[in-house]
């Protein structure tokens, strides 16, 4: 799989950290720490892109 550099938004909230990729609708994740949220959003982006590739063939 190719590597991409994609900006993400990570915000602290009352439960930990919330992460999203605004350009990929519905692509978001969370974590107890900033680092965990970052790793989780990387996985979410990868899965989101895989799903898109499956749909478009």
C-alpha atoms as a PDB file:
ATOM      1  CA  UNK A   1       0.000   0.000   0.000  1.00  0.00           C
ATOM      2  CA  UNK A   2       1.183   3.524  -0.782  1.00  0.00           C
ATOM      3  CA  UNK A   3       2.092   5.988   1.933  1.00  0.00           C
ATOM      4  CA  UNK A   4       0.222   9.279   2.111  1.00  0.00           C
ATOM      5  CA  UNK A   5       0.632  12.393   4.188  1.00  0.00           C
ATOM      6  CA  UNK A   6      -2.819  13.521   5.279  1.00  0.00           C
ATOM      7  CA  UNK A   7      -3.610  16.253   7.786  1.00  0.00           C
ATOM      8  CA  UNK A   8      -5.774  15.209  10.707  1.00  0.00           C
ATOM      9  CA  UNK A   9      -7.438  17.074  13.552  1.00  0.00           C
ATOM     10  CA  UNK A  10      -6.887  15.820  17.105  1.00  0.00           C
ATOM     11  CA  UNK A  11      -8.690  17.525  19.959  1.00  0.00           C
ATOM     12  CA  UNK A  12      -8.711  16.860  23.675  1.00  0.00           C
ATOM     13  CA  UNK A  13     -12.170  16.275  25.108  1.00  0.00           C
ATOM     14  CA  UNK A  14     -13.574  15.123  28.432  1.00  0.00           C
ATOM     15  CA  UNK A  15     -13.022  11.447  27.536  1.00  0.00           C
ATOM     16  CA  UNK A  16      -9.491  11.639  26.100  1.00  0.00           C
ATOM     17  CA  UNK A  17      -8.644  12.620  22.532  1.00  0.00           C
ATOM     18  CA  UNK A  18     -10.860  12.730  19.444  1.00  0.00           C
ATOM     19  CA  UNK A  19      -9.248  12.437  16.002  1.00  0.00           C
ATOM     20  CA  UNK A  20     -10.723  12.993  12.551  1.00  0.00           C
ATOM     21  CA  UNK A  21      -9.787  13.401   8.926  1.00  0.00           C
ATOM     22  CA  UNK A  22     -12.241  16.102   7.747  1.00  0.00           C
ATOM     23  CA  UNK A  23     -11.817  15.344   4.028  1.00  0.00           C
ATOM     24  CA  UNK A  24     -12.880  11.713   4.567  1.00  0.00           C
ATOM     25  CA  UNK A  25     -16.470  11.924   5.730  1.00  0.00           C
ATOM     26  CA  UNK A  26     -17.125   9.590   8.648  1.00  0.00           C
ATOM     27  CA  UNK A  27     -13.433   8.922   9.270  1.00  0.00           C
ATOM     28  CA  UNK A  28     -12.774   9.471  12.953  1.00  0.00           C
ATOM     29  CA  UNK A  29     -11.356   7.736  16.001  1.00  0.00           C
ATOM     30  CA  UNK A  30     -10.378   8.357  19.600  1.00  0.00           C
ATOM     31  CA  UNK A  31      -7.810   7.425  22.210  1.00  0.00           C
ATOM     32  CA  UNK A  32      -6.928   7.879  25.850  1.00  0.00           C
ATOM     33  CA  UNK A  33      -3.739   9.733  24.855  1.00  0.00           C
ATOM     34  CA  UNK A  34      -2.744  11.923  21.909  1.00  0.00           C
ATOM     35  CA  UNK A  35      -0.417   9.196  20.641  1.00  0.00           C
ATOM     36  CA  UNK A  36      -3.135   6.532  20.865  1.00  0.00           C
ATOM     37  CA  UNK A  37      -5.602   8.768  19.021  1.00  0.00           C
ATOM     38  CA  UNK A  38      -2.995   9.382  16.299  1.00  0.00           C
ATOM     39  CA  UNK A  39      -2.329   5.659  15.824  1.00  0.00           C
ATOM     40  CA  UNK A  40      -6.060   4.913  15.842  1.00  0.00           C
ATOM     41  CA  UNK A  41      -6.834   7.548  13.203  1.00  0.00           C
ATOM     42  CA  UNK A  42      -4.051   6.132  11.008  1.00  0.00           C
ATOM     43  CA  UNK A  43      -5.792   2.744  11.168  1.00  0.00           C
ATOM     44  CA  UNK A  44      -9.179   4.354  10.517  1.00  0.00           C
ATOM     45  CA  UNK A  45      -7.836   6.197   7.455  1.00  0.00           C
ATOM     46  CA  UNK A  46      -6.231   3.017   6.099  1.00  0.00           C
ATOM     47  CA  UNK A  47      -9.487   1.073   6.498  1.00  0.00           C
ATOM     48  CA  UNK A  48     -11.526   3.930   5.017  1.00  0.00           C
ATOM     49  CA  UNK A  49      -9.297   4.026   1.921  1.00  0.00           C
ATOM     50  CA  UNK A  50      -9.442   0.222   1.581  1.00  0.00           C
ATOM     51  CA  UNK A  51     -13.248   0.379   1.680  1.00  0.00           C
ATOM     52  CA  UNK A  52     -13.308   3.066  -1.014  1.00  0.00           C
ATOM     53  CA  UNK A  53     -10.993   0.994  -3.212  1.00  0.00           C
ATOM     54  CA  UNK A  54     -13.269  -2.047  -2.835  1.00  0.00           C
ATOM     55  CA  UNK A  55     -16.307  -0.016  -3.858  1.00  0.00           C
ATOM     56  CA  UNK A  56     -14.714   1.554  -6.939  1.00  0.00           C
ATOM     57  CA  UNK A  57     -12.849  -1.599  -7.877  1.00  0.00           C
END
